[in-house]
């Protein structure tokens, strides 16, 4: 990408600074919500670009701040100037200021002179472009035969003719040995004899829950027996005389 600074002429008091370079730009600018009221009489569908062949003298519009006024004095449009017209109305291409052969309103008591309106200022404009890079290698045409890949045809081995056993045949014969991939034997999964093709699923063993009641009873009886044996082994107190 190359950035180039181009200077463009901008005329003072332009409704659109820099104007429009073509019909599409003019239509887009005239449809702007801020200024489209000024072009209400323009038929944008019939808009075309032309160059004046003779001078035109009349009144032109101009922008002063955010408002648009008309000159009270006549201004001359010189031959060769680019304008946009729909067949009835004329707009100057350099600033998109409108032209009228009759006086228009509103006007200002102090308006710019024709000399000021025709004194442009060159404003820098940055233009971006994408240049075509040079080709480092020559581009060779691709033959149509190489667009589709081809498969080479191998010679077919033929048996020697009858009566030529023991004689070397003409040419070179290459035997074609087929390459067979190794075959792996996988054990077959047992199938259901009642429904062939469906694998046989072994039954799930159900383990009953253990009962802990008798264990607790035996443990309680053992504790009672140990308690009694310990009491019997303790020495008895001797009674007082």
Protein backbone atom coordinates (compact mmCIF):
# COMPACT_ATOMS: atom_id res chain seq x y z
CA UNK A 1 0.00 0.00 0.00
CA UNK A 2 1.34 3.42 -1.01
CA UNK A 3 0.17 6.67 0.58
CA UNK A 4 0.40 9.67 -1.70
CA UNK A 5 -0.42 13.26 -0.81
CA UNK A 6 -2.47 14.96 -3.52
CA UNK A 7 -3.48 18.61 -3.45
CA UNK A 8 -7.07 19.42 -4.27
CA UNK A 9 -8.60 22.82 -4.97
CA UNK A 10 -11.15 23.94 -2.39
CA UNK A 11 -13.14 27.08 -3.15
CA UNK A 12 -14.28 29.34 -0.31
CA UNK A 13 -17.94 29.36 0.75
CA UNK A 14 -18.47 25.92 -0.84
CA UNK A 15 -21.53 23.99 0.21
CA UNK A 16 -19.41 20.81 -0.14
CA UNK A 17 -15.67 21.64 0.20
CA UNK A 18 -13.84 20.11 -2.75
CA UNK A 19 -17.05 19.51 -4.69
CA UNK A 20 -17.74 16.20 -6.45
CA UNK A 21 -15.56 14.40 -8.99
CA UNK A 22 -18.37 12.41 -10.62
CA UNK A 23 -22.13 11.93 -10.67
CA UNK A 24 -22.12 9.25 -7.98
CA UNK A 25 -20.31 11.52 -5.54
CA UNK A 26 -22.66 14.39 -6.35
CA UNK A 27 -25.72 12.23 -5.66
CA UNK A 28 -24.27 11.02 -2.37
CA UNK A 29 -23.43 14.55 -1.19
CA UNK A 30 -26.79 15.97 -2.27
CA UNK A 31 -28.58 13.27 -0.28
CA UNK A 32 -26.84 14.32 2.94
CA UNK A 33 -29.50 15.12 5.58
CA UNK A 34 -27.85 18.46 6.44
CA UNK A 35 -28.03 19.94 2.94
CA UNK A 36 -30.53 17.85 0.96
CA UNK A 37 -33.22 20.54 1.44
CA UNK A 38 -31.13 22.86 -0.73
CA UNK A 39 -31.33 20.33 -3.58
CA UNK A 40 -35.05 19.58 -3.21
CA UNK A 41 -35.77 20.68 -6.79
CA UNK A 42 -33.04 18.45 -8.25
CA UNK A 43 -34.08 15.23 -9.94
CA UNK A 44 -31.20 12.98 -8.90
CA UNK A 45 -32.31 10.16 -11.20
CA UNK A 46 -31.72 12.42 -14.25
CA UNK A 47 -28.50 13.95 -12.94
CA UNK A 48 -25.61 14.03 -15.42
CA UNK A 49 -22.21 15.70 -15.76
CA UNK A 50 -21.54 18.31 -18.42
CA UNK A 51 -19.04 21.06 -19.32
CA UNK A 52 -20.20 24.56 -20.12
CA UNK A 53 -19.66 25.57 -23.73
CA UNK A 54 -20.49 29.25 -23.10
CA UNK A 55 -20.45 31.61 -20.12
CA UNK A 56 -23.47 31.74 -17.81
CA UNK A 57 -24.36 34.81 -15.77
CA UNK A 58 -26.69 34.54 -12.82
CA UNK A 59 -26.94 34.05 -9.08
CA UNK A 60 -25.23 31.29 -7.08
CA UNK A 61 -25.70 29.91 -3.62
CA UNK A 62 -22.96 29.78 -0.99
CA UNK A 63 -22.46 28.57 2.56
CA UNK A 64 -21.94 30.99 5.41
CA UNK A 65 -21.33 29.04 8.62
CA UNK A 66 -24.15 26.50 8.91
CA UNK A 67 -26.60 28.34 6.65
CA UNK A 68 -26.90 28.68 2.88
CA UNK A 69 -27.53 32.03 1.18
CA UNK A 70 -27.79 33.39 -2.38
CA UNK A 71 -25.77 36.20 -3.91
CA UNK A 72 -27.58 39.44 -4.57
CA UNK A 73 -25.20 40.23 -7.44
CA UNK A 74 -24.76 38.22 -10.61
CA UNK A 75 -21.82 35.82 -10.89
CA UNK A 76 -20.31 34.52 -14.12
CA UNK A 77 -19.77 30.78 -14.72
CA UNK A 78 -17.05 30.49 -17.35
CA UNK A 79 -16.98 28.13 -20.32
CA UNK A 80 -15.21 24.83 -19.63
CA UNK A 81 -16.43 24.61 -16.01
CA UNK A 82 -17.86 21.25 -14.94
CA UNK A 83 -21.47 21.30 -13.79
CA UNK A 84 -24.13 18.75 -12.83
CA UNK A 85 -27.61 19.16 -14.25
CA UNK A 86 -30.89 17.31 -14.45
CA UNK A 87 -31.98 19.27 -17.52
CA UNK A 88 -33.50 22.21 -15.58
CA UNK A 89 -31.30 22.95 -12.57
CA UNK A 90 -27.53 23.51 -12.59
CA UNK A 91 -25.02 22.82 -9.79
CA UNK A 92 -21.34 23.80 -9.95
CA UNK A 93 -19.12 20.72 -9.76
CA UNK A 94 -16.24 22.41 -7.95
CA UNK A 95 -18.30 23.34 -4.87
CA UNK A 96 -21.87 21.98 -5.45
CA UNK A 97 -23.21 25.52 -5.17
CA UNK A 98 -26.44 25.96 -7.13
CA UNK A 99 -26.96 28.36 -10.05
CA UNK A 100 -30.09 30.35 -10.86
CA UNK A 101 -30.84 32.78 -13.64
CA UNK A 102 -33.32 34.61 -11.35
CA UNK A 103 -32.71 36.25 -7.95
CA UNK A 104 -33.21 33.91 -5.00
CA UNK A 105 -33.64 34.22 -1.22
CA UNK A 106 -32.28 34.40 1.42
CA UNK A 107 -29.46 36.92 0.94
CA UNK A 108 -27.02 38.65 3.29
CA UNK A 109 -26.20 42.37 3.39
CA UNK A 110 -22.51 41.56 3.17
CA UNK A 111 -21.74 38.79 0.68
CA UNK A 112 -18.44 37.54 -0.78
CA UNK A 113 -17.37 39.07 -4.06
CA UNK A 114 -16.87 37.15 -7.28
CA UNK A 115 -13.09 37.47 -6.92
CA UNK A 116 -13.20 35.79 -3.49
CA UNK A 117 -15.49 33.03 -4.74
CA UNK A 118 -13.09 32.24 -7.61
CA UNK A 119 -9.92 32.14 -5.42
CA UNK A 120 -9.32 28.46 -4.51
CA UNK A 121 -7.04 27.11 -1.81
CA UNK A 122 -5.02 23.96 -2.40
CA UNK A 123 -5.70 21.48 0.41
CA UNK A 124 -3.58 18.32 0.82
CA UNK A 125 -5.50 15.07 0.50
CA UNK A 126 -3.98 11.67 1.34
CA UNK A 127 -4.68 9.06 -1.31
CA UNK A 128 -4.07 5.35 -0.71
CA UNK A 129 -3.32 3.01 -3.58
CA UNK A 130 -2.28 -0.61 -4.01
CA UNK A 131 0.32 -0.79 -6.79
CA UNK A 132 0.75 -3.96 -8.77
CA UNK A 133 3.96 -5.66 -7.73
CA UNK A 134 6.37 -6.83 -10.48
CA UNK A 135 6.39 -10.54 -11.24
CA UNK A 136 9.75 -12.08 -10.33
CA UNK A 137 9.36 -15.13 -12.58
CA UNK A 138 7.83 -15.42 -16.00
CA UNK A 139 4.33 -16.85 -16.12
CA UNK A 140 4.30 -19.95 -18.31
CA UNK A 141 1.03 -21.16 -19.82
CA UNK A 142 -0.19 -24.45 -18.37
CA UNK A 143 -0.97 -26.98 -21.12
CA UNK A 144 -4.46 -28.47 -20.92
CA UNK A 145 -3.02 -31.97 -20.54
CA UNK A 146 -1.47 -31.04 -17.18
CA UNK A 147 -4.69 -29.79 -15.65
CA UNK A 148 -5.83 -33.41 -15.12
CA UNK A 149 -3.33 -35.85 -13.59
CA UNK A 150 -2.72 -38.95 -15.68
CA UNK A 151 -1.83 -42.48 -14.49
CA UNK A 152 0.94 -44.27 -16.41
CA UNK A 153 -0.11 -47.50 -18.08
CA UNK A 154 2.04 -50.52 -17.15
CA UNK A 155 2.82 -53.18 -19.79
CA UNK A 156 0.77 -56.37 -19.48
CA UNK A 157 2.75 -59.59 -19.10
CA UNK A 158 1.85 -62.12 -21.78
CA UNK A 159 2.70 -65.80 -22.04
CA UNK A 160 5.26 -66.89 -24.71
CA UNK A 161 3.74 -68.15 -27.94
CA UNK A 162 3.37 -71.86 -28.59
CA UNK A 163 6.46 -73.48 -30.08
CA UNK A 164 8.87 -70.98 -28.61
CA UNK A 165 9.60 -72.85 -25.37
CA UNK A 166 13.31 -72.66 -24.55
CA UNK A 167 13.84 -69.65 -26.75
CA UNK A 168 14.36 -66.24 -25.25
CA UNK A 169 11.34 -64.08 -26.08
CA UNK A 170 11.81 -60.67 -27.59
CA UNK A 171 11.98 -57.65 -25.30
CA UNK A 172 12.07 -57.58 -21.51
CA UNK A 173 9.34 -59.19 -19.42
CA UNK A 174 8.61 -58.02 -15.88
CA UNK A 175 6.41 -60.28 -13.80
CA UNK A 176 3.67 -58.49 -11.90
CA UNK A 177 3.59 -59.68 -8.29
CA UNK A 178 0.47 -58.61 -6.43
CA UNK A 179 1.10 -57.10 -3.02
CA UNK A 180 -1.30 -58.63 -0.51
CA UNK A 181 -1.57 -56.82 2.82
CA UNK A 182 -1.22 -58.99 5.95
CA UNK A 183 -4.46 -60.36 7.29
CA UNK A 184 -5.03 -60.12 11.03
CA UNK A 185 -7.30 -62.65 12.69
CA UNK A 186 -9.38 -61.13 15.45
CA UNK A 187 -11.23 -63.39 17.89
CA UNK A 188 -14.91 -63.40 17.24
CA UNK A 189 -17.23 -62.15 19.91
CA UNK A 190 -19.67 -64.84 21.14
CA UNK A 191 -23.08 -64.30 19.73
CA UNK A 192 -26.47 -65.07 21.12
CA UNK A 193 -27.62 -68.48 19.81
CA UNK A 194 -31.24 -67.40 19.95
CA UNK A 195 -30.68 -64.20 17.98
CA UNK A 196 -27.70 -64.49 15.62
CA UNK A 197 -25.65 -61.35 15.13
CA UNK A 198 -26.34 -59.92 18.60
CA UNK A 199 -23.45 -60.36 21.09
CA UNK A 200 -24.17 -62.45 24.13
CA UNK A 201 -24.11 -60.41 27.34
CA UNK A 202 -23.33 -62.44 30.53
CA UNK A 203 -25.88 -62.14 33.32
CA UNK A 204 -25.13 -59.74 36.12
CA UNK A 205 -24.59 -61.46 39.50
CA UNK A 206 -26.78 -60.02 42.25
CA UNK A 207 -25.18 -60.12 45.74
CA UNK A 208 -27.72 -59.99 48.59
CA UNK A 209 -27.25 -57.51 51.35
CA UNK A 210 -25.77 -59.09 54.58
CA UNK A 211 -27.92 -59.31 57.75
CA UNK A 212 -26.29 -57.91 60.88
CA UNK A 213 -28.99 -58.76 63.47
CA UNK A 214 -27.59 -62.11 64.64
CA UNK A 215 -24.06 -60.63 64.75
CA UNK A 216 -25.21 -57.97 67.20
CA UNK A 217 -27.05 -60.55 69.32
CA UNK A 218 -23.99 -62.82 69.62
CA UNK A 219 -21.80 -59.88 70.50
CA UNK A 220 -24.19 -58.75 73.24
CA UNK A 221 -24.32 -62.26 74.81
CA UNK A 222 -20.52 -62.48 74.74
CA UNK A 223 -20.24 -59.18 76.59
CA UNK A 224 -22.68 -60.36 79.29
CA UNK A 225 -20.76 -63.62 79.76
CA UNK A 226 -17.43 -61.79 80.13
CA UNK A 227 -18.98 -59.40 82.63
CA UNK A 228 -20.26 -62.26 84.84
CA UNK A 229 -16.98 -64.11 84.75
CA UNK A 230 -15.11 -61.03 85.88
CA UNK A 231 -17.46 -60.54 88.80
CA UNK A 232 -17.04 -64.13 89.95
CA UNK A 233 -13.27 -63.84 89.85
CA UNK A 234 -13.22 -60.79 92.13
CA UNK A 235 -12.49 -61.57 95.93
CA UNK A 236 -15.52 -61.32 98.19
CA UNK A 237 -15.39 -58.96 101.21
CA UNK A 238 -14.93 -60.57 104.67
CA UNK A 239 -17.88 -59.79 107.02
CA UNK A 240 -17.05 -58.10 110.36
CA UNK A 241 -17.43 -60.25 113.57
